[in-house]
Protein backbone atom coordinates (compact mmCIF):
# COMPACT_ATOMS: atom_id res chain seq x y z
CA UNK A 1 0.00 0.00 0.00
CA UNK A 2 1.41 3.39 -0.94
CA UNK A 3 0.32 6.85 0.08
CA UNK A 4 1.14 10.29 -1.17
CA UNK A 5 3.53 12.14 1.06
CA UNK A 6 2.25 15.48 2.30
CA UNK A 7 4.80 18.06 3.41
CA UNK A 8 4.22 21.40 5.08
CA UNK A 9 6.51 24.03 6.57
CA UNK A 10 5.16 26.17 9.37
CA UNK A 11 6.95 29.25 10.61
CA UNK A 12 5.15 30.15 13.83
CA UNK A 13 5.74 32.20 16.95
CA UNK A 14 6.32 28.88 18.73
CA UNK A 15 8.90 27.48 16.32
CA UNK A 16 9.69 26.33 12.82
CA UNK A 17 8.18 22.97 11.89
CA UNK A 18 8.14 20.57 8.98
CA UNK A 19 5.14 18.25 8.97
CA UNK A 20 5.18 15.13 6.82
CA UNK A 21 2.68 12.33 6.36
CA UNK A 22 4.42 8.98 6.67
CA UNK A 23 1.41 6.67 6.46
CA UNK A 24 -2.31 7.22 6.00
CA UNK A 25 -2.75 8.27 9.64
CA UNK A 26 0.81 8.91 10.82
CA UNK A 27 2.38 12.36 10.81
CA UNK A 28 5.82 13.51 11.91
CA UNK A 29 6.01 17.04 13.27
CA UNK A 30 9.69 17.74 12.81
CA UNK A 31 11.94 20.52 14.10
CA UNK A 32 15.60 21.37 13.95
CA UNK A 33 15.53 22.64 17.54
CA UNK A 34 14.16 20.69 20.49
CA UNK A 35 12.89 23.92 22.08
CA UNK A 36 10.45 24.40 19.20
CA UNK A 37 8.80 21.06 19.92
CA UNK A 38 8.84 21.79 23.65
CA UNK A 39 6.96 25.01 22.89
CA UNK A 40 4.48 23.10 20.75
CA UNK A 41 3.94 20.48 23.45
CA UNK A 42 3.19 23.22 25.97
CA UNK A 43 0.84 25.09 23.64
CA UNK A 44 -1.08 21.99 22.56
CA UNK A 45 -0.89 20.26 25.97
CA UNK A 46 0.76 17.21 24.42
CA UNK A 47 2.17 14.24 26.30
CA UNK A 48 3.83 12.85 23.16
CA UNK A 49 7.51 11.99 23.33
CA UNK A 50 10.05 14.07 21.45
CA UNK A 51 12.14 11.63 19.44
CA UNK A 52 15.72 12.54 18.64
CA UNK A 53 17.34 11.23 15.47
CA UNK A 54 20.85 12.79 15.46
CA UNK A 55 21.62 11.96 11.83
CA UNK A 56 18.23 12.97 10.38
CA UNK A 57 17.54 16.09 8.34
CA UNK A 58 15.23 17.30 11.13
CA UNK A 59 16.77 16.02 14.34
CA UNK A 60 13.68 16.25 16.57
CA UNK A 61 10.15 14.96 15.96
CA UNK A 62 6.82 14.16 17.51
CA UNK A 63 4.71 11.43 15.92
CA UNK A 64 0.93 11.96 15.89
CA UNK A 65 -2.24 10.79 14.17
CA UNK A 66 -4.56 13.01 12.11
CA UNK A 67 -6.87 13.79 15.02
CA UNK A 68 -3.97 15.04 17.13
CA UNK A 69 -2.52 16.99 14.21
CA UNK A 70 -5.84 18.76 13.68
CA UNK A 71 -6.04 19.66 17.38
CA UNK A 72 -2.50 21.04 17.25
CA UNK A 73 -3.30 23.12 14.18
CA UNK A 74 -6.41 24.56 15.84
CA UNK A 75 -4.42 25.49 18.95
CA UNK A 76 -1.70 27.16 16.88
CA UNK A 77 -4.33 29.08 14.93
CA UNK A 78 -6.20 30.27 18.01
CA UNK A 79 -2.88 31.44 19.50
CA UNK A 80 -2.46 33.96 16.65
CA UNK A 81 -2.62 37.30 18.41
CA UNK A 82 -0.17 39.59 16.62
CA UNK A 83 -0.31 41.89 13.57
CA UNK A 84 3.24 41.23 12.32
CA UNK A 85 5.02 37.85 12.32
CA UNK A 86 8.60 39.12 12.26
CA UNK A 87 7.76 41.60 15.02
CA UNK A 88 6.46 38.76 17.19
CA UNK A 89 9.59 36.68 16.55
CA UNK A 90 11.69 39.66 17.66
CA UNK A 91 9.66 39.88 20.90
CA UNK A 92 9.98 36.20 21.83
CA UNK A 93 13.29 35.54 23.55
CA UNK A 94 13.47 31.86 22.57
CA UNK A 95 12.67 32.65 18.92
CA UNK A 96 14.43 35.98 18.31
CA UNK A 97 17.67 34.34 17.16
CA UNK A 98 15.74 33.19 14.04
CA UNK A 99 14.75 36.71 12.97
CA UNK A 100 17.59 37.17 10.48
CA UNK A 101 16.79 33.84 8.86
CA UNK A 102 13.11 34.72 8.55
CA UNK A 103 14.11 38.03 6.95
CA UNK A 104 16.16 36.12 4.36
CA UNK A 105 13.21 33.83 3.59
CA UNK A 106 10.95 36.89 3.28
CA UNK A 107 13.42 38.57 0.89
CA UNK A 108 13.70 35.50 -1.33
CA UNK A 109 9.93 35.11 -1.56
CA UNK A 110 9.46 38.85 -2.17
CA UNK A 111 11.98 38.58 -5.02
CA UNK A 112 9.97 35.71 -6.45
CA UNK A 113 6.88 37.91 -6.38
CA UNK A 114 8.65 40.77 -8.13
CA UNK A 115 10.29 38.63 -10.80
CA UNK A 116 7.31 36.37 -11.39
CA UNK A 117 9.30 33.25 -10.77
């Protein structure tokens, strides 16, 4: 049995995540920094274990089913309470070190918009 692999990047005030579908009802919420998943666990009130795979592209991950993923997404969405993403990252001590990287992503995507691809 094969399934299509879904991939999503989320840049949030709680951390940067890559979410992939591994099986029909198995999702890996992956992060490069453990603190990002710790923040997510606190926000979503998760008991799930943070797995560490030192040689993997994304070193840290939480494994969830679709129901849990949907609950996490709702909690992240309802936590949106700011008018400017980069401004919020600047304000959050545990996220502010990412601000320069987010600016670079913003610049590359803005360039894409201006050049049309």
